[in-house]
Amino acid sequence: MSADTAALLKTPLHALHLELGAKMVPFAGYDMPVQYPTGVMTEHRHTRTAAGLFDVSHMGQVLLVGDDAAAALETLVPVDIVGLELFKQRYALFTDDNGGILDDLMVARRTDGLFVVVNAGCRDQDIAHMQKHLGGRCEVRPLPDQALLALQGPQAVTALSRLNPDVAKLVFMTGGFFDLDGIPTFVTRSGYTGEDGYEISVAADRSVELARKLLAQPEVKPIGLGARDSLRLEAGLCLYGHDIDTTTTPVEASLTWAIQKVRRAGGERAGGYPGAAVVDRQLAEGASRKRVGLVGSERMPVREGAKLVNEAGEEVGVVTSGTLGPTVNKPVALAYVTKAHAALGTQLFALVRDKRTPMTVASTPFTPNGYFRG
C-alpha cells in the first residue's frame, strides 16, 4: 500500500467493497469504489431498470438541535426551512456574500432536530461554517458514527420493503425512522440518480450487516462512483465543484426552483442570508449566463472544460460535466452559456481536440425522472 493510499479515509463498508471486487480510487479524501467487475455501463443500466446500492458514507451528516435551529439555518440558505414540515426533506444551498454557492445540501426535519447531509469535499468547511454562524442559536452535532447508503432504481421499493413494508408509504422527499429487519435507521425517499429510491442513515457498526441484507435481494447490485456520475448527469443534477461552486449563483445555476417565494424579495422572510441582494437582483433582472443542458448529435463525448462556440466561432460558454449517456445513447452535458445562447434548441459547437462537435441546448433531465410522488 502506498503512503498516498494509507492517508485516504475509509468508509465503514471499505472491506466489503474489496470483497465484492471493486476498483478503488481516491475521491474527496476517501478510498472509494469507482466500479465493480461488471463495469460502469452495466451498473448504470442495472440502476435504471432494477436497484443499485451505493455507499455514500463519505458525505457529511449533521444534526441541528434546538427550537431555533430552522430560523438559524435560514440565515445561511435562501430556502424555506422554517416552513419545512416534520419528516419532509428539502434541497438547499449555502451561499457566500457574492451569492456564490459554497455547497448544496439536503435538509430533513426530524423529531430530534434538522438532519443535514452535505458533500464530502465540503464537509469540514460546512460543519465549521454552521458551528461559527449557528452555534450560538442551536447545537451543531456532526454524526461521524453514521454511515449512509443509497438504494436507487425502480425496484428499490420492492427490495427495501422486504426489510420493512412501511418504507413503501414514503413519497419523494419525505422520510422517517424505520427498523430494517432489526436495524434502526433514518430513511428518506430521495437520491442522486433521477430514479425512485432511498437514502438510509445507519449506525456505522451496523452498516455492513444492512448492506449485506440489501445485496441479498435479487434486484440489488453494488454500484460505484462511475455510474453514480453518469446517472446524475443524465438526470441533469449538479455536482458540486464542477457544475456549481463559489463562482456560480443559484440563478446562474438554474436552481431558482429551490428558492421558495417566502424567501424572495417581497416574501414574508425575504433575504437575511449571505448574498441575498445579488440573488434577488438576478431573480428580478436575470443573469448574464445560465446553466443549460446540451445533447450531441455525434458519438463524440464532450467532457468538462470543453469550450463552446457559436456558428461564427465566437466563444459563448464552457462545459462543466459531460458523458456519453448510457440510457439516452447520446453525448449529454451541463454547461454555462451566455444568456443569448441559453434558449432551448440553440445550436452550439463544443471544441473537442480542436474539432467542432455540434451540440443543441436541451431541457433536463435528459431521461425522464422516476421519482415516486404518490
Protein backbone atom coordinates (compact mmCIF):
# COMPACT_ATOMS: atom_id res chain seq x y z
CA MET A 1 0.00 0.00 0.00
CA SER A 2 1.42 3.37 -0.97
CA ALA A 3 1.69 6.21 1.53
CA ASP A 4 -0.93 8.07 -0.55
CA THR A 5 -3.45 5.23 -0.21
CA ALA A 6 -2.71 4.88 3.51
CA ALA A 7 -3.58 8.54 4.03
CA LEU A 8 -7.05 8.12 2.49
CA LEU A 9 -10.06 7.80 4.77
CA LYS A 10 -12.16 4.66 4.55
CA THR A 11 -15.93 4.27 4.91
CA PRO A 12 -17.26 1.51 7.20
CA LEU A 13 -18.01 -0.54 4.05
CA HIS A 14 -14.43 -0.44 2.72
CA ALA A 15 -13.64 -4.14 3.34
CA LEU A 16 -16.97 -5.13 1.74
CA HIS A 17 -16.11 -3.18 -1.43
CA LEU A 18 -12.80 -5.07 -1.69
CA GLU A 19 -14.60 -8.38 -1.10
CA LEU A 20 -17.01 -7.50 -3.94
CA GLY A 21 -14.07 -6.89 -6.31
CA ALA A 22 -14.39 -3.11 -6.50
CA LYS A 23 -11.79 -0.99 -8.26
CA MET A 24 -10.95 1.67 -5.66
CA VAL A 25 -9.98 5.30 -6.40
CA PRO A 26 -9.31 8.39 -4.27
CA PHE A 27 -12.40 10.62 -4.05
CA ALA A 28 -12.93 13.58 -1.68
CA GLY A 29 -10.19 12.24 0.60
CA TYR A 30 -11.68 8.71 0.71
CA ASP A 31 -10.74 5.40 -0.89
CA MET A 32 -13.97 4.76 -2.81
CA PRO A 33 -15.29 2.16 -5.28
CA VAL A 34 -15.41 3.60 -8.83
CA GLN A 35 -16.79 0.35 -10.30
CA TYR A 36 -17.27 -3.36 -9.65
CA PRO A 37 -16.26 -6.21 -12.01
CA THR A 38 -19.28 -5.89 -14.36
CA GLY A 39 -18.30 -2.28 -15.21
CA VAL A 40 -19.84 1.18 -15.25
CA MET A 41 -22.21 0.66 -18.20
CA THR A 42 -23.79 -2.47 -16.68
CA GLU A 43 -24.08 -0.78 -13.28
CA HIS A 44 -25.73 2.29 -14.84
CA ARG A 45 -28.29 0.19 -16.71
CA HIS A 46 -28.97 -2.01 -13.67
CA THR A 47 -29.82 1.08 -11.59
CA ARG A 48 -32.15 2.37 -14.32
CA THR A 49 -34.01 -0.97 -14.56
CA ALA A 50 -33.69 -2.67 -11.14
CA ALA A 51 -31.93 -1.42 -7.97
CA GLY A 52 -28.39 -0.31 -7.20
CA LEU A 53 -26.72 0.02 -3.79
CA PHE A 54 -24.33 2.95 -3.36
CA ASP A 55 -22.03 3.65 -0.42
CA VAL A 56 -22.30 7.39 0.20
CA SER A 57 -20.90 7.28 3.74
CA HIS A 58 -18.25 9.84 2.73
CA MET A 59 -20.99 12.50 2.78
CA GLY A 60 -21.25 14.64 5.91
CA GLN A 61 -24.21 14.02 8.23
CA VAL A 62 -25.09 16.66 10.83
CA LEU A 63 -27.96 17.20 13.26
CA LEU A 64 -29.00 20.74 14.19
CA VAL A 65 -30.69 20.57 17.58
CA GLY A 66 -32.79 23.24 19.29
CA ASP A 67 -36.05 25.15 18.90
CA ASP A 68 -34.30 27.92 16.95
CA ALA A 69 -32.49 25.60 14.51
CA ALA A 70 -34.73 26.23 11.48
CA ALA A 71 -34.70 30.03 11.78
CA ALA A 72 -30.95 29.90 12.40
CA LEU A 73 -30.29 27.79 9.30
CA GLU A 74 -32.29 30.27 7.19
CA THR A 75 -29.54 32.85 7.87
CA LEU A 76 -27.21 30.71 5.72
CA VAL A 77 -29.52 29.44 2.93
CA PRO A 78 -32.07 31.09 0.57
CA VAL A 79 -34.53 28.28 1.31
CA ASP A 80 -37.70 27.93 3.41
CA ILE A 81 -36.57 25.84 6.39
CA VAL A 82 -38.99 27.29 8.98
CA GLY A 83 -41.93 26.03 6.90
CA LEU A 84 -40.47 22.54 6.46
CA GLU A 85 -42.92 20.04 7.95
CA LEU A 86 -41.99 17.06 10.11
CA PHE A 87 -40.36 14.25 8.10
CA LYS A 88 -40.23 16.38 4.94
CA GLN A 89 -36.95 16.99 3.12
CA ARG A 90 -35.74 19.92 1.04
CA TYR A 91 -32.77 20.76 -1.22
CA ALA A 92 -30.79 23.80 -0.05
CA LEU A 93 -27.70 25.86 -0.87
CA PHE A 94 -25.11 27.56 1.31
CA THR A 95 -24.31 30.93 -0.30
CA ASP A 96 -21.48 33.41 0.22
CA ASP A 97 -21.58 37.23 0.30
CA ASN A 98 -21.38 37.36 -3.51
CA GLY A 99 -24.27 34.94 -3.96
CA GLY A 100 -21.82 32.16 -4.91
CA ILE A 101 -22.61 28.60 -3.88
CA LEU A 102 -20.46 27.22 -1.02
CA ASP A 103 -22.18 23.82 -1.20
CA ASP A 104 -25.51 22.18 -1.90
CA LEU A 105 -27.16 20.08 0.79
CA MET A 106 -30.26 18.19 1.87
CA VAL A 107 -32.26 19.15 4.98
CA ALA A 108 -34.91 16.96 6.63
CA ARG A 109 -36.97 17.84 9.69
CA ARG A 110 -36.91 15.01 12.24
CA THR A 111 -38.31 14.68 15.75
CA ASP A 112 -34.79 15.17 17.17
CA GLY A 113 -33.75 18.14 15.01
CA LEU A 114 -32.84 19.12 11.45
CA PHE A 115 -30.92 16.36 9.68
CA VAL A 116 -28.44 17.86 7.20
CA VAL A 117 -26.42 15.98 4.56
CA VAL A 118 -23.54 17.86 2.91
CA ASN A 119 -20.99 16.94 0.24
CA ALA A 120 -17.88 15.02 1.23
CA GLY A 121 -15.44 17.50 -0.28
CA CYS A 122 -17.04 20.42 1.59
CA ARG A 123 -17.93 18.58 4.79
CA ASP A 124 -15.34 20.00 7.18
CA GLN A 125 -15.77 23.60 5.97
CA ASP A 126 -19.58 23.25 6.03
CA ILE A 127 -19.54 22.00 9.61
CA ALA A 128 -17.17 24.85 10.61
CA HIS A 129 -19.46 27.32 8.75
CA MET A 130 -22.51 26.09 10.68
CA GLN A 131 -20.68 25.99 14.02
CA LYS A 132 -19.43 29.56 13.52
CA HIS A 133 -22.74 31.06 12.42
CA LEU A 134 -25.33 28.84 14.11
CA GLY A 135 -23.50 27.62 17.22
CA GLY A 136 -24.95 30.38 19.38
CA ARG A 137 -28.54 29.52 18.41
CA CYS A 138 -28.59 25.73 18.17
CA GLU A 139 -26.35 22.72 18.70
CA VAL A 140 -24.42 21.69 15.56
CA ARG A 141 -23.86 17.98 16.09
CA PRO A 142 -21.78 16.11 13.45
CA LEU A 143 -22.69 12.42 13.12
CA PRO A 144 -19.36 10.72 12.24
CA ASP A 145 -20.60 7.38 13.58
CA GLN A 146 -23.37 7.17 10.96
CA ALA A 147 -22.90 5.54 7.56
CA LEU A 148 -25.08 6.46 4.57
CA LEU A 149 -26.34 4.04 1.93
CA ALA A 150 -28.36 4.89 -1.18
CA LEU A 151 -30.64 2.28 -2.74
CA GLN A 152 -31.70 3.60 -6.15
CA GLY A 153 -33.82 2.38 -9.03
CA PRO A 154 -37.40 1.40 -9.92
CA GLN A 155 -37.16 -1.83 -7.89
CA ALA A 156 -35.62 -0.20 -4.79
CA VAL A 157 -39.05 -0.10 -3.13
CA THR A 158 -39.54 -3.84 -3.75
CA ALA A 159 -36.18 -4.74 -2.23
CA LEU A 160 -36.35 -2.40 0.77
CA SER A 161 -39.98 -3.32 1.54
CA ARG A 162 -38.85 -6.88 2.35
CA LEU A 163 -36.91 -5.42 5.31
CA ASN A 164 -39.81 -3.18 6.34
CA PRO A 165 -43.00 -2.87 4.23
CA ASP A 166 -43.75 0.60 5.69
CA VAL A 167 -40.99 2.24 3.58
CA ALA A 168 -43.33 1.90 0.57
CA LYS A 169 -45.61 4.55 2.15
CA LEU A 170 -42.97 7.26 1.85
CA VAL A 171 -43.19 9.61 -1.13
CA PHE A 172 -40.40 11.60 -2.81
CA MET A 173 -38.60 13.96 -0.38
CA THR A 174 -40.16 12.53 2.79
CA GLY A 175 -38.52 10.39 5.45
CA GLY A 176 -38.88 8.59 8.76
CA PHE A 177 -37.28 6.31 11.33
CA PHE A 178 -37.54 2.64 10.35
CA ASP A 179 -36.28 -0.65 11.69
CA LEU A 180 -34.93 -2.52 8.66
CA ASP A 181 -35.02 -6.20 9.64
CA GLY A 182 -33.98 -5.24 13.18
CA ILE A 183 -31.52 -2.46 12.25
CA PRO A 184 -32.55 1.08 13.35
CA THR A 185 -32.25 3.63 10.51
CA PHE A 186 -33.42 7.01 9.26
CA VAL A 187 -34.69 6.66 5.69
CA THR A 188 -35.61 9.33 3.12
CA ARG A 189 -37.17 8.64 -0.27
CA SER A 190 -34.64 10.60 -2.30
CA GLY A 191 -31.37 10.22 -4.16
CA TYR A 192 -28.99 11.41 -6.83
CA THR A 193 -29.82 9.26 -9.85
CA GLY A 194 -33.16 10.60 -11.12
CA GLU A 195 -34.75 7.28 -10.17
CA ASP A 196 -37.06 6.35 -7.31
CA GLY A 197 -35.04 5.24 -4.32
CA TYR A 198 -33.94 5.76 -0.75
CA GLU A 199 -31.08 7.18 1.28
CA ILE A 200 -30.50 5.30 4.53
CA SER A 201 -28.61 6.69 7.52
CA VAL A 202 -27.46 3.80 9.70
CA ALA A 203 -25.02 3.35 12.58
CA ALA A 204 -21.57 2.65 11.11
CA ASP A 205 -21.25 -0.55 13.13
CA ARG A 206 -24.46 -1.96 11.57
CA SER A 207 -23.84 -0.68 8.02
CA VAL A 208 -22.13 -3.80 6.64
CA GLU A 209 -24.88 -6.00 8.07
CA LEU A 210 -27.51 -3.79 6.37
CA ALA A 211 -25.58 -3.67 3.09
CA ARG A 212 -25.38 -7.48 3.03
CA LYS A 213 -29.12 -7.78 3.67
CA LEU A 214 -29.78 -5.42 0.76
CA LEU A 215 -27.29 -7.13 -1.57
CA ALA A 216 -29.01 -10.45 -0.77
CA GLN A 217 -32.15 -9.14 -2.50
CA PRO A 218 -32.41 -10.39 -6.12
CA GLU A 219 -32.96 -6.87 -7.53
CA VAL A 220 -29.88 -5.30 -5.89
CA LYS A 221 -26.31 -4.99 -7.14
CA PRO A 222 -23.47 -2.80 -5.82
CA ILE A 223 -22.83 0.38 -7.84
CA GLY A 224 -19.70 2.58 -7.87
CA LEU A 225 -18.91 6.26 -8.36
CA GLY A 226 -18.59 5.92 -12.14
CA ALA A 227 -22.22 5.01 -12.67
CA ARG A 228 -23.29 7.42 -9.93
CA ASP A 229 -21.83 10.22 -12.04
CA SER A 230 -23.37 9.14 -15.37
CA LEU A 231 -26.76 8.58 -13.66
CA ARG A 232 -26.82 12.02 -12.02
CA LEU A 233 -25.68 13.68 -15.24
CA GLU A 234 -28.49 12.07 -17.27
CA ALA A 235 -30.84 13.31 -14.52
CA GLY A 236 -29.48 16.85 -15.01
CA LEU A 237 -28.30 17.06 -11.39
CA CYS A 238 -25.39 19.32 -10.42
CA LEU A 239 -22.12 18.04 -8.99
CA TYR A 240 -20.57 20.48 -6.53
CA GLY A 241 -17.12 21.67 -7.59
CA HIS A 242 -17.97 21.10 -11.25
CA ASP A 243 -21.43 22.45 -12.21
CA ILE A 244 -21.78 24.72 -9.18
CA ASP A 245 -19.23 26.44 -6.96
CA THR A 246 -18.45 29.85 -5.45
CA THR A 247 -18.25 31.40 -8.95
CA THR A 248 -21.87 30.42 -9.74
CA THR A 249 -25.02 31.86 -8.18
CA PRO A 250 -28.29 29.91 -7.76
CA VAL A 251 -29.80 31.99 -10.59
CA GLU A 252 -26.91 31.34 -12.99
CA ALA A 253 -27.03 27.67 -11.99
CA SER A 254 -30.76 27.42 -12.91
CA LEU A 255 -31.56 26.43 -9.31
CA THR A 256 -34.15 29.16 -8.67
CA TRP A 257 -36.79 26.43 -8.08
CA ALA A 258 -35.02 25.83 -4.77
CA ILE A 259 -35.72 29.41 -3.58
CA GLN A 260 -39.28 29.50 -2.26
CA LYS A 261 -41.42 32.63 -2.63
CA VAL A 262 -41.32 33.29 1.12
CA ARG A 263 -37.53 33.85 0.90
CA ARG A 264 -37.59 36.08 -2.20
CA ALA A 265 -37.90 39.89 -2.32
CA GLY A 266 -41.36 40.80 -1.03
CA GLY A 267 -41.71 37.45 0.74
CA GLU A 268 -42.51 37.10 4.44
CA ARG A 269 -38.93 36.06 5.32
CA ALA A 270 -37.08 37.57 2.36
CA GLY A 271 -33.31 37.82 2.37
CA GLY A 272 -31.24 37.60 5.53
CA TYR A 273 -28.81 35.08 4.02
CA PRO A 274 -25.35 35.78 2.51
CA GLY A 275 -25.52 37.30 -0.98
CA ALA A 276 -29.28 37.91 -0.83
CA ALA A 277 -29.01 41.27 -2.61
CA VAL A 278 -27.12 39.69 -5.54
CA VAL A 279 -29.55 36.76 -5.80
CA ASP A 280 -32.65 38.99 -5.57
CA ARG A 281 -31.27 41.30 -8.25
CA GLN A 282 -30.60 38.36 -10.58
CA LEU A 283 -34.04 36.90 -9.85
CA ALA A 284 -35.53 40.23 -10.96
CA GLU A 285 -33.25 41.03 -13.90
CA GLY A 286 -31.84 37.66 -14.93
CA ALA A 287 -28.16 36.70 -15.04
CA SER A 288 -25.68 37.21 -17.88
CA ARG A 289 -25.09 33.46 -18.17
CA LYS A 290 -27.07 30.34 -17.39
CA ARG A 291 -26.54 26.63 -16.79
CA VAL A 292 -28.13 24.59 -19.58
CA GLY A 293 -28.32 21.01 -20.80
CA LEU A 294 -26.67 20.02 -24.07
CA VAL A 295 -27.25 16.99 -26.28
CA GLY A 296 -24.81 15.98 -29.02
CA SER A 297 -25.74 14.55 -32.41
CA GLU A 298 -22.40 12.77 -32.90
CA ARG A 299 -20.95 9.96 -30.76
CA MET A 300 -18.03 12.09 -29.57
CA PRO A 301 -18.31 12.53 -25.77
CA VAL A 302 -17.80 16.13 -24.68
CA ARG A 303 -16.01 16.47 -21.34
CA GLU A 304 -15.71 19.06 -18.60
CA GLY A 305 -13.69 22.09 -19.68
CA ALA A 306 -14.59 21.91 -23.38
CA LYS A 307 -15.18 25.39 -24.80
CA LEU A 308 -18.44 26.17 -26.59
CA VAL A 309 -18.63 28.38 -29.66
CA ASN A 310 -21.46 29.65 -31.86
CA GLU A 311 -21.70 29.27 -35.66
CA ALA A 312 -19.37 32.25 -36.10
CA GLY A 313 -16.73 30.62 -33.87
CA GLU A 314 -17.17 33.10 -31.00
CA GLU A 315 -16.71 31.59 -27.54
CA VAL A 316 -20.06 31.58 -25.71
CA GLY A 317 -19.62 29.12 -22.86
CA VAL A 318 -17.95 26.11 -21.24
CA VAL A 319 -18.93 22.54 -20.43
CA THR A 320 -18.91 21.68 -16.70
CA SER A 321 -19.91 17.97 -16.91
CA GLY A 322 -20.22 15.66 -19.88
CA THR A 323 -20.50 12.00 -20.79
CA LEU A 324 -21.97 9.59 -23.31
CA GLY A 325 -25.36 8.97 -21.65
CA PRO A 326 -25.86 5.18 -21.48
CA THR A 327 -29.67 5.48 -21.26
CA VAL A 328 -30.17 8.15 -23.91
CA ASN A 329 -27.29 6.75 -26.03
CA LYS A 330 -26.08 10.25 -26.94
CA PRO A 331 -23.48 12.66 -25.58
CA VAL A 332 -25.04 14.78 -22.84
CA ALA A 333 -23.53 17.69 -20.94
CA LEU A 334 -24.18 20.51 -18.50
CA ALA A 335 -22.67 23.86 -19.42
CA TYR A 336 -22.74 27.59 -18.74
CA VAL A 337 -23.57 29.74 -21.76
CA THR A 338 -24.30 33.41 -22.31
CA LYS A 339 -27.93 34.46 -21.87
CA ALA A 340 -28.29 34.97 -25.65
CA HIS A 341 -27.40 31.31 -26.29
CA ALA A 342 -29.40 29.68 -23.47
CA ALA A 343 -32.73 29.16 -25.28
CA LEU A 344 -33.84 25.56 -25.90
CA GLY A 345 -32.91 24.41 -29.39
CA THR A 346 -29.93 26.77 -29.75
CA GLN A 347 -27.21 25.18 -31.91
CA LEU A 348 -23.68 25.36 -30.47
CA PHE A 349 -20.37 23.60 -31.07
CA ALA A 350 -18.07 22.05 -28.47
CA LEU A 351 -14.37 22.16 -29.25
CA VAL A 352 -13.05 18.63 -28.72
CA ARG A 353 -9.38 18.22 -29.70
CA ASP A 354 -9.77 21.28 -31.94
CA LYS A 355 -12.73 19.74 -33.77
CA ARG A 356 -16.21 21.31 -33.70
CA THR A 357 -18.77 18.88 -32.28
CA PRO A 358 -22.41 20.01 -32.77
CA MET A 359 -24.48 20.33 -29.58
CA THR A 360 -28.05 21.51 -29.02
CA VAL A 361 -29.33 23.28 -25.89
CA ALA A 362 -31.86 20.83 -24.38
CA SER A 363 -34.06 20.60 -21.32
CA THR A 364 -33.04 18.45 -18.38
CA PRO A 365 -33.43 15.76 -17.21
CA PHE A 366 -32.15 14.07 -20.36
CA THR A 367 -34.08 10.91 -19.39
CA PRO A 368 -37.43 11.05 -17.52
CA ASN A 369 -37.28 11.06 -13.68
CA GLY A 370 -38.74 8.08 -11.85
CA TYR A 371 -39.44 9.87 -8.54
CA PHE A 372 -42.40 8.42 -6.61
CA ARG A 373 -44.79 11.24 -5.70
CA GLY A 374 -47.68 9.06 -4.57
